[in-house]
Amino acid sequence: MNDENALSSLSAARVVAAVFGVLGGLGGLTHGVGEVLQGSVRPDGLFINSWTQGPIATNMGGEPGLTIVPNMLVTGILTIVFSLTIIVWSVAFVQRQNGGLILILFFIALLLVGGGVGPIVIGVLAGVAGLGIDAPYPRWRARLSDGLRRVLARLWPWFFGLALINTLFLVFGSLVLVYGFDFNNPDLFVGVFFLSAILLIPTIITGVAYDIQRGEGGVAA
């Protein structure tokens, strides 16, 4: 019974914002390390590859991104700093007032200093979820019938689990494959990224229904 109460007391919006905010930040860190390793050189233009050597460069397409900073070393340092800030914010502060909006702004800043594309999309969606932390959802309550809301609420853990597994593979599994097994299939990793973004959308939507039910005491573990 205590486990059921603990589960039903969780805010889906906060869980999604925190977990995927952290994963987006970790993805940004990967970009930052590759940029730092390139040293104090000037990028060829606005668009860059975060990695120019090693398995990530040869087997994953180099993790493309963009930067407005005309120095790869500084780009990498800023990317690492913003990524670490995002991780801390996601864990400890995203539940605060405007926490989701601030998370979105952090990820936009990360985009501009070399944080790549994949981490930004995942992180912005995490921030969108964060906008719903403790929200009253009056329009959702008015438009969703009780029955549909219950169904969506029960689907949230499944969508969340699928999105989490897929994104964990994108952030960690891909590194294991390319470094441990010299796996070379950039198209697979691009597909996994798109699937992560696609899965996050129903995760956020069903999370709204979950939080409405949770607030009304209607979510059963």
C-alpha atoms as a PDB file:
ATOM      1  CA  MET A   1       0.000   0.000   0.000  1.00  0.00           C
ATOM      2  CA  ASN A   2       2.811   2.440   0.822  1.00  0.00           C
ATOM      3  CA  ASP A   3       4.396   1.800  -2.580  1.00  0.00           C
ATOM      4  CA  GLU A   4       1.084   2.495  -4.294  1.00  0.00           C
ATOM      5  CA  ASN A   5       0.655   5.744  -2.371  1.00  0.00           C
ATOM      6  CA  ALA A   6       4.206   6.796  -3.235  1.00  0.00           C
ATOM      7  CA  LEU A   7       3.619   6.108  -6.918  1.00  0.00           C
ATOM      8  CA  SER A   8       0.331   7.973  -7.074  1.00  0.00           C
ATOM      9  CA  SER A   9       1.863  10.977  -5.288  1.00  0.00           C
ATOM     10  CA  LEU A  10       4.425  11.505  -8.052  1.00  0.00           C
ATOM     11  CA  SER A  11       3.819  14.350 -10.489  1.00  0.00           C
ATOM     12  CA  ALA A  12       4.194  13.038 -14.026  1.00  0.00           C
ATOM     13  CA  ALA A  13       5.154  16.515 -15.209  1.00  0.00           C
ATOM     14  CA  ARG A  14       7.980  16.777 -12.695  1.00  0.00           C
ATOM     15  CA  VAL A  15       9.243  13.245 -13.362  1.00  0.00           C
ATOM     16  CA  VAL A  16       9.351  13.796 -17.131  1.00  0.00           C
ATOM     17  CA  ALA A  17      10.977  17.223 -16.792  1.00  0.00           C
ATOM     18  CA  ALA A  18      13.607  15.984 -14.344  1.00  0.00           C
ATOM     19  CA  VAL A  19      14.486  12.695 -16.029  1.00  0.00           C
ATOM     20  CA  PHE A  20      14.619  13.926 -19.611  1.00  0.00           C
ATOM     21  CA  GLY A  21      16.173  17.230 -18.593  1.00  0.00           C
ATOM     22  CA  VAL A  22      19.038  15.242 -17.063  1.00  0.00           C
ATOM     23  CA  LEU A  23      19.334  13.000 -20.122  1.00  0.00           C
ATOM     24  CA  GLY A  24      19.377  16.028 -22.403  1.00  0.00           C
ATOM     25  CA  GLY A  25      22.081  17.571 -20.240  1.00  0.00           C
ATOM     26  CA  LEU A  26      24.143  14.379 -20.403  1.00  0.00           C
ATOM     27  CA  GLY A  27      23.784  14.378 -24.170  1.00  0.00           C
ATOM     28  CA  GLY A  28      25.074  17.944 -24.222  1.00  0.00           C
ATOM     29  CA  LEU A  29      28.075  16.894 -22.138  1.00  0.00           C
ATOM     30  CA  THR A  30      29.058  14.402 -24.827  1.00  0.00           C
ATOM     31  CA  HIS A  31      29.089  17.201 -27.384  1.00  0.00           C
ATOM     32  CA  GLY A  32      31.110  19.439 -25.082  1.00  0.00           C
ATOM     33  CA  VAL A  33      33.842  16.858 -24.501  1.00  0.00           C
ATOM     34  CA  GLY A  34      34.331  16.395 -28.244  1.00  0.00           C
ATOM     35  CA  GLU A  35      34.534  20.137 -28.788  1.00  0.00           C
ATOM     36  CA  VAL A  36      37.101  20.619 -26.027  1.00  0.00           C
ATOM     37  CA  LEU A  37      39.252  17.857 -27.520  1.00  0.00           C
ATOM     38  CA  GLN A  38      39.404  19.795 -30.801  1.00  0.00           C
ATOM     39  CA  GLY A  39      41.356  22.489 -28.993  1.00  0.00           C
ATOM     40  CA  SER A  40      41.557  26.227 -29.541  1.00  0.00           C
ATOM     41  CA  VAL A  41      40.693  26.291 -33.222  1.00  0.00           C
ATOM     42  CA  ARG A  42      38.203  28.337 -35.178  1.00  0.00           C
ATOM     43  CA  PRO A  43      35.152  26.457 -36.510  1.00  0.00           C
ATOM     44  CA  ASP A  44      34.609  26.478 -40.269  1.00  0.00           C
ATOM     45  CA  GLY A  45      31.254  28.141 -39.827  1.00  0.00           C
ATOM     46  CA  LEU A  46      28.093  28.251 -37.773  1.00  0.00           C
ATOM     47  CA  PHE A  47      27.493  24.515 -38.165  1.00  0.00           C
ATOM     48  CA  ILE A  48      29.995  22.138 -36.619  1.00  0.00           C
ATOM     49  CA  ASN A  49      30.724  18.532 -35.835  1.00  0.00           C
ATOM     50  CA  SER A  50      31.301  18.109 -32.107  1.00  0.00           C
ATOM     51  CA  TRP A  51      33.635  15.178 -32.772  1.00  0.00           C
ATOM     52  CA  THR A  52      36.164  15.085 -35.616  1.00  0.00           C
ATOM     53  CA  GLN A  53      38.054  11.944 -34.585  1.00  0.00           C
ATOM     54  CA  GLY A  54      37.343   8.671 -32.792  1.00  0.00           C
ATOM     55  CA  PRO A  55      34.344   6.314 -32.939  1.00  0.00           C
ATOM     56  CA  ILE A  56      31.742   9.048 -32.465  1.00  0.00           C
ATOM     57  CA  ALA A  57      33.120  10.863 -35.509  1.00  0.00           C
ATOM     58  CA  THR A  58      33.394   7.779 -37.705  1.00  0.00           C
ATOM     59  CA  ASN A  59      30.407   5.746 -36.491  1.00  0.00           C
ATOM     60  CA  MET A  60      27.871   8.335 -35.365  1.00  0.00           C
ATOM     61  CA  GLY A  61      28.278  11.143 -37.848  1.00  0.00           C
ATOM     62  CA  GLY A  62      30.326  13.375 -35.545  1.00  0.00           C
ATOM     63  CA  GLU A  63      27.325  14.623 -33.529  1.00  0.00           C
ATOM     64  CA  PRO A  64      26.525  17.762 -35.537  1.00  0.00           C
ATOM     65  CA  GLY A  65      25.459  21.019 -33.952  1.00  0.00           C
ATOM     66  CA  LEU A  66      25.988  24.736 -34.208  1.00  0.00           C
ATOM     67  CA  THR A  67      27.803  27.430 -32.280  1.00  0.00           C
ATOM     68  CA  ILE A  68      27.939  31.207 -32.274  1.00  0.00           C
ATOM     69  CA  VAL A  69      31.294  31.088 -30.463  1.00  0.00           C
ATOM     70  CA  PRO A  70      34.294  31.406 -32.822  1.00  0.00           C
ATOM     71  CA  ASN A  71      36.497  29.000 -30.860  1.00  0.00           C
ATOM     72  CA  MET A  72      35.979  25.265 -30.392  1.00  0.00           C
ATOM     73  CA  LEU A  73      37.669  25.069 -26.988  1.00  0.00           C
ATOM     74  CA  VAL A  74      35.517  27.871 -25.584  1.00  0.00           C
ATOM     75  CA  THR A  75      32.477  26.316 -27.274  1.00  0.00           C
ATOM     76  CA  GLY A  76      33.177  23.020 -25.530  1.00  0.00           C
ATOM     77  CA  ILE A  77      33.711  24.632 -22.141  1.00  0.00           C
ATOM     78  CA  LEU A  78      30.455  26.587 -22.418  1.00  0.00           C
ATOM     79  CA  THR A  79      28.617  23.462 -23.538  1.00  0.00           C
ATOM     80  CA  ILE A  80      29.890  21.539 -20.514  1.00  0.00           C
ATOM     81  CA  VAL A  81      29.007  24.388 -18.142  1.00  0.00           C
ATOM     82  CA  PHE A  82      25.469  24.739 -19.517  1.00  0.00           C
ATOM     83  CA  SER A  83      24.997  20.957 -19.545  1.00  0.00           C
ATOM     84  CA  LEU A  84      26.008  20.627 -15.891  1.00  0.00           C
ATOM     85  CA  THR A  85      23.771  23.579 -14.986  1.00  0.00           C
ATOM     86  CA  ILE A  86      20.870  21.907 -16.773  1.00  0.00           C
ATOM     87  CA  ILE A  87      21.435  18.640 -14.914  1.00  0.00           C
ATOM     88  CA  VAL A  88      21.448  20.404 -11.541  1.00  0.00           C
ATOM     89  CA  TRP A  89      18.396  22.484 -12.440  1.00  0.00           C
ATOM     90  CA  SER A  90      16.473  19.429 -13.646  1.00  0.00           C
ATOM     91  CA  VAL A  91      17.148  17.507 -10.450  1.00  0.00           C
ATOM     92  CA  ALA A  92      16.765  20.225  -7.843  1.00  0.00           C
ATOM     93  CA  PHE A  93      14.912  23.266  -9.195  1.00  0.00           C
ATOM     94  CA  VAL A  94      12.617  22.418 -12.118  1.00  0.00           C
ATOM     95  CA  GLN A  95       9.629  22.206  -9.761  1.00  0.00           C
ATOM     96  CA  ARG A  96       9.980  25.882  -8.828  1.00  0.00           C
ATOM     97  CA  GLN A  97       7.860  28.648 -10.331  1.00  0.00           C
ATOM     98  CA  ASN A  98       8.695  28.980 -14.047  1.00  0.00           C
ATOM     99  CA  GLY A  99      11.117  26.066 -13.649  1.00  0.00           C
ATOM    100  CA  GLY A 100      10.007  24.479 -16.920  1.00  0.00           C
ATOM    101  CA  LEU A 101      10.381  27.756 -18.815  1.00  0.00           C
ATOM    102  CA  ILE A 102      13.867  28.300 -17.416  1.00  0.00           C
ATOM    103  CA  LEU A 103      14.793  24.755 -18.443  1.00  0.00           C
ATOM    104  CA  ILE A 104      13.677  25.531 -22.000  1.00  0.00           C
ATOM    105  CA  LEU A 105      15.782  28.703 -22.012  1.00  0.00           C
ATOM    106  CA  PHE A 106      18.814  26.791 -20.759  1.00  0.00           C
ATOM    107  CA  PHE A 107      18.481  24.334 -23.618  1.00  0.00           C
ATOM    108  CA  ILE A 108      18.119  27.128 -26.180  1.00  0.00           C
ATOM    109  CA  ALA A 109      21.347  28.613 -24.824  1.00  0.00           C
ATOM    110  CA  LEU A 110      22.951  25.167 -25.022  1.00  0.00           C
ATOM    111  CA  LEU A 111      21.930  24.941 -28.677  1.00  0.00           C
ATOM    112  CA  LEU A 112      23.753  28.188 -29.457  1.00  0.00           C
ATOM    113  CA  VAL A 113      27.027  27.137 -27.830  1.00  0.00           C
ATOM    114  CA  GLY A 114      27.448  23.682 -29.339  1.00  0.00           C
ATOM    115  CA  GLY A 115      25.093  21.367 -27.465  1.00  0.00           C
ATOM    116  CA  GLY A 116      23.940  19.618 -30.621  1.00  0.00           C
ATOM    117  CA  VAL A 117      20.418  19.009 -31.867  1.00  0.00           C
ATOM    118  CA  GLY A 118      19.204  15.789 -30.244  1.00  0.00           C
ATOM    119  CA  PRO A 119      19.807  16.888 -26.631  1.00  0.00           C
ATOM    120  CA  ILE A 120      18.070  20.200 -27.320  1.00  0.00           C
ATOM    121  CA  VAL A 121      14.899  18.654 -28.732  1.00  0.00           C
ATOM    122  CA  ILE A 122      14.667  16.202 -25.834  1.00  0.00           C
ATOM    123  CA  GLY A 123      15.437  18.941 -23.316  1.00  0.00           C
ATOM    124  CA  VAL A 124      12.931  21.434 -24.700  1.00  0.00           C
ATOM    125  CA  LEU A 125      10.223  18.773 -24.568  1.00  0.00           C
ATOM    126  CA  ALA A 126      11.272  18.096 -20.969  1.00  0.00           C
ATOM    127  CA  GLY A 127      10.840  21.804 -20.297  1.00  0.00           C
ATOM    128  CA  VAL A 128       7.387  21.729 -21.898  1.00  0.00           C
ATOM    129  CA  ALA A 129       6.477  18.947 -19.486  1.00  0.00           C
ATOM    130  CA  GLY A 130       7.874  21.086 -16.674  1.00  0.00           C
ATOM    131  CA  LEU A 131       5.466  23.881 -17.549  1.00  0.00           C
ATOM    132  CA  GLY A 132       2.704  21.615 -16.283  1.00  0.00           C
ATOM    133  CA  ILE A 133       4.124  21.040 -12.791  1.00  0.00           C
ATOM    134  CA  ASP A 134       1.289  21.806 -10.332  1.00  0.00           C
ATOM    135  CA  ALA A 135      -0.786  23.323 -13.152  1.00  0.00           C
ATOM    136  CA  PRO A 136      -4.613  23.280 -12.755  1.00  0.00           C
ATOM    137  CA  TYR A 137      -5.247  22.271 -16.420  1.00  0.00           C
ATOM    138  CA  PRO A 138      -8.726  23.849 -16.619  1.00  0.00           C
ATOM    139  CA  ARG A 139      -9.056  23.351 -20.398  1.00  0.00           C
ATOM    140  CA  TRP A 140      -7.939  19.740 -20.209  1.00  0.00           C
ATOM    141  CA  ARG A 141     -10.429  19.068 -17.430  1.00  0.00           C
ATOM    142  CA  ALA A 142     -13.214  20.596 -19.482  1.00  0.00           C
ATOM    143  CA  ARG A 143     -12.420  18.776 -22.728  1.00  0.00           C
ATOM    144  CA  LEU A 144     -11.459  15.304 -21.474  1.00  0.00           C
ATOM    145  CA  SER A 145     -14.223  13.036 -20.272  1.00  0.00           C
ATOM    146  CA  ASP A 146     -13.630  11.144 -17.034  1.00  0.00           C
ATOM    147  CA  GLY A 147     -13.353   7.851 -18.870  1.00  0.00           C
ATOM    148  CA  LEU A 148     -10.827   9.086 -21.437  1.00  0.00           C
ATOM    149  CA  ARG A 149      -8.825  10.778 -18.711  1.00  0.00           C
ATOM    150  CA  ARG A 150      -8.598   7.522 -16.753  1.00  0.00           C
ATOM    151  CA  VAL A 151      -7.453   5.620 -19.829  1.00  0.00           C
ATOM    152  CA  LEU A 152      -4.777   8.200 -20.661  1.00  0.00           C
ATOM    153  CA  ALA A 153      -3.626   8.294 -17.048  1.00  0.00           C
ATOM    154  CA  ARG A 154      -3.091   4.531 -17.022  1.00  0.00           C
ATOM    155  CA  LEU A 155      -1.135   4.754 -20.290  1.00  0.00           C
ATOM    156  CA  TRP A 156       1.342   7.289 -18.919  1.00  0.00           C
ATOM    157  CA  PRO A 157       3.703   4.808 -17.178  1.00  0.00           C
ATOM    158  CA  TRP A 158       3.930   2.779 -20.400  1.00  0.00           C
ATOM    159  CA  PHE A 159       4.748   5.738 -22.632  1.00  0.00           C
ATOM    160  CA  PHE A 160       7.162   7.064 -20.034  1.00  0.00           C
ATOM    161  CA  GLY A 161       8.906   3.685 -19.794  1.00  0.00           C
ATOM    162  CA  LEU A 162       9.248   3.345 -23.564  1.00  0.00           C
ATOM    163  CA  ALA A 163      10.543   6.897 -23.948  1.00  0.00           C
ATOM    164  CA  LEU A 164      12.993   6.382 -21.085  1.00  0.00           C
ATOM    165  CA  ILE A 165      14.396   3.104 -22.448  1.00  0.00           C
ATOM    166  CA  ASN A 166      14.758   4.561 -25.931  1.00  0.00           C
ATOM    167  CA  THR A 167      16.486   7.733 -24.718  1.00  0.00           C
ATOM    168  CA  LEU A 168      18.796   5.808 -22.389  1.00  0.00           C
ATOM    169  CA  PHE A 169      19.861   3.787 -25.404  1.00  0.00           C
ATOM    170  CA  LEU A 170      20.434   6.999 -27.359  1.00  0.00           C
ATOM    171  CA  VAL A 171      22.561   8.604 -24.629  1.00  0.00           C
ATOM    172  CA  PHE A 172      24.402   5.582 -23.202  1.00  0.00           C
ATOM    173  CA  GLY A 173      23.754   2.543 -25.383  1.00  0.00           C
ATOM    174  CA  SER A 174      25.048   4.250 -28.504  1.00  0.00           C
ATOM    175  CA  LEU A 175      28.379   4.964 -26.792  1.00  0.00           C
ATOM    176  CA  VAL A 176      28.673   1.358 -25.654  1.00  0.00           C
ATOM    177  CA  LEU A 177      28.056   0.139 -29.197  1.00  0.00           C
ATOM    178  CA  VAL A 178      30.493   2.452 -30.958  1.00  0.00           C
ATOM    179  CA  TYR A 179      33.290   2.238 -28.385  1.00  0.00           C
ATOM    180  CA  GLY A 180      32.837  -1.351 -27.259  1.00  0.00           C
ATOM    181  CA  PHE A 181      31.810  -3.017 -30.514  1.00  0.00           C
ATOM    182  CA  ASP A 182      32.861  -0.526 -33.228  1.00  0.00           C
ATOM    183  CA  PHE A 183      29.213  -0.434 -34.339  1.00  0.00           C
ATOM    184  CA  ASN A 184      28.816   1.773 -37.400  1.00  0.00           C
ATOM    185  CA  ASN A 185      25.257   2.740 -38.316  1.00  0.00           C
ATOM    186  CA  PRO A 186      24.562   6.491 -38.004  1.00  0.00           C
ATOM    187  CA  ASP A 187      21.095   6.064 -39.502  1.00  0.00           C
ATOM    188  CA  LEU A 188      20.088   3.845 -36.570  1.00  0.00           C
ATOM    189  CA  PHE A 189      21.030   6.514 -34.052  1.00  0.00           C
ATOM    190  CA  VAL A 190      19.172   9.173 -36.037  1.00  0.00           C
ATOM    191  CA  GLY A 191      16.107   6.922 -36.016  1.00  0.00           C
ATOM    192  CA  VAL A 192      16.406   6.361 -32.266  1.00  0.00           C
ATOM    193  CA  PHE A 193      16.565  10.118 -31.740  1.00  0.00           C
ATOM    194  CA  PHE A 194      13.400  10.706 -33.760  1.00  0.00           C
ATOM    195  CA  LEU A 195      11.664   7.926 -31.853  1.00  0.00           C
ATOM    196  CA  SER A 196      12.644   9.576 -28.558  1.00  0.00           C
ATOM    197  CA  ALA A 197      11.092  12.861 -29.657  1.00  0.00           C
ATOM    198  CA  ILE A 198       7.955  11.111 -30.929  1.00  0.00           C
ATOM    199  CA  LEU A 199       7.499   9.090 -27.732  1.00  0.00           C
ATOM    200  CA  LEU A 200       7.907  12.142 -25.530  1.00  0.00           C
ATOM    201  CA  ILE A 201       4.841  13.809 -27.017  1.00  0.00           C
ATOM    202  CA  PRO A 202       2.300  11.173 -25.877  1.00  0.00           C
ATOM    203  CA  THR A 203       4.295  10.861 -22.647  1.00  0.00           C
ATOM    204  CA  ILE A 204       3.605  14.528 -21.927  1.00  0.00           C
ATOM    205  CA  ILE A 205      -0.055  14.310 -22.979  1.00  0.00           C
ATOM    206  CA  THR A 206      -0.818  11.205 -20.935  1.00  0.00           C
ATOM    207  CA  GLY A 207       1.142  12.785 -18.082  1.00  0.00           C
ATOM    208  CA  VAL A 208      -1.351  15.649 -18.008  1.00  0.00           C
ATOM    209  CA  ALA A 209      -4.199  13.154 -17.592  1.00  0.00           C
ATOM    210  CA  TYR A 210      -2.185  11.312 -14.940  1.00  0.00           C
ATOM    211  CA  ASP A 211      -1.637  14.481 -12.919  1.00  0.00           C
ATOM    212  CA  ILE A 212      -5.306  15.475 -13.155  1.00  0.00           C
ATOM    213  CA  GLN A 213      -6.318  12.033 -11.881  1.00  0.00           C
ATOM    214  CA  ARG A 214      -3.624  12.153  -9.223  1.00  0.00           C
ATOM    215  CA  GLY A 215      -4.937  15.503  -8.003  1.00  0.00           C
ATOM    216  CA  GLU A 216      -8.409  14.028  -7.757  1.00  0.00           C
ATOM    217  CA  GLY A 217      -7.168  10.926  -5.985  1.00  0.00           C
ATOM    218  CA  GLY A 218      -8.091   8.760  -8.947  1.00  0.00           C
ATOM    219  CA  VAL A 219      -4.810   7.166 -10.031  1.00  0.00           C
ATOM    220  CA  ALA A 220      -4.404   3.528  -9.109  1.00  0.00           C
ATOM    221  CA  ALA A 221      -0.943   1.951  -9.166  1.00  0.00           C
END
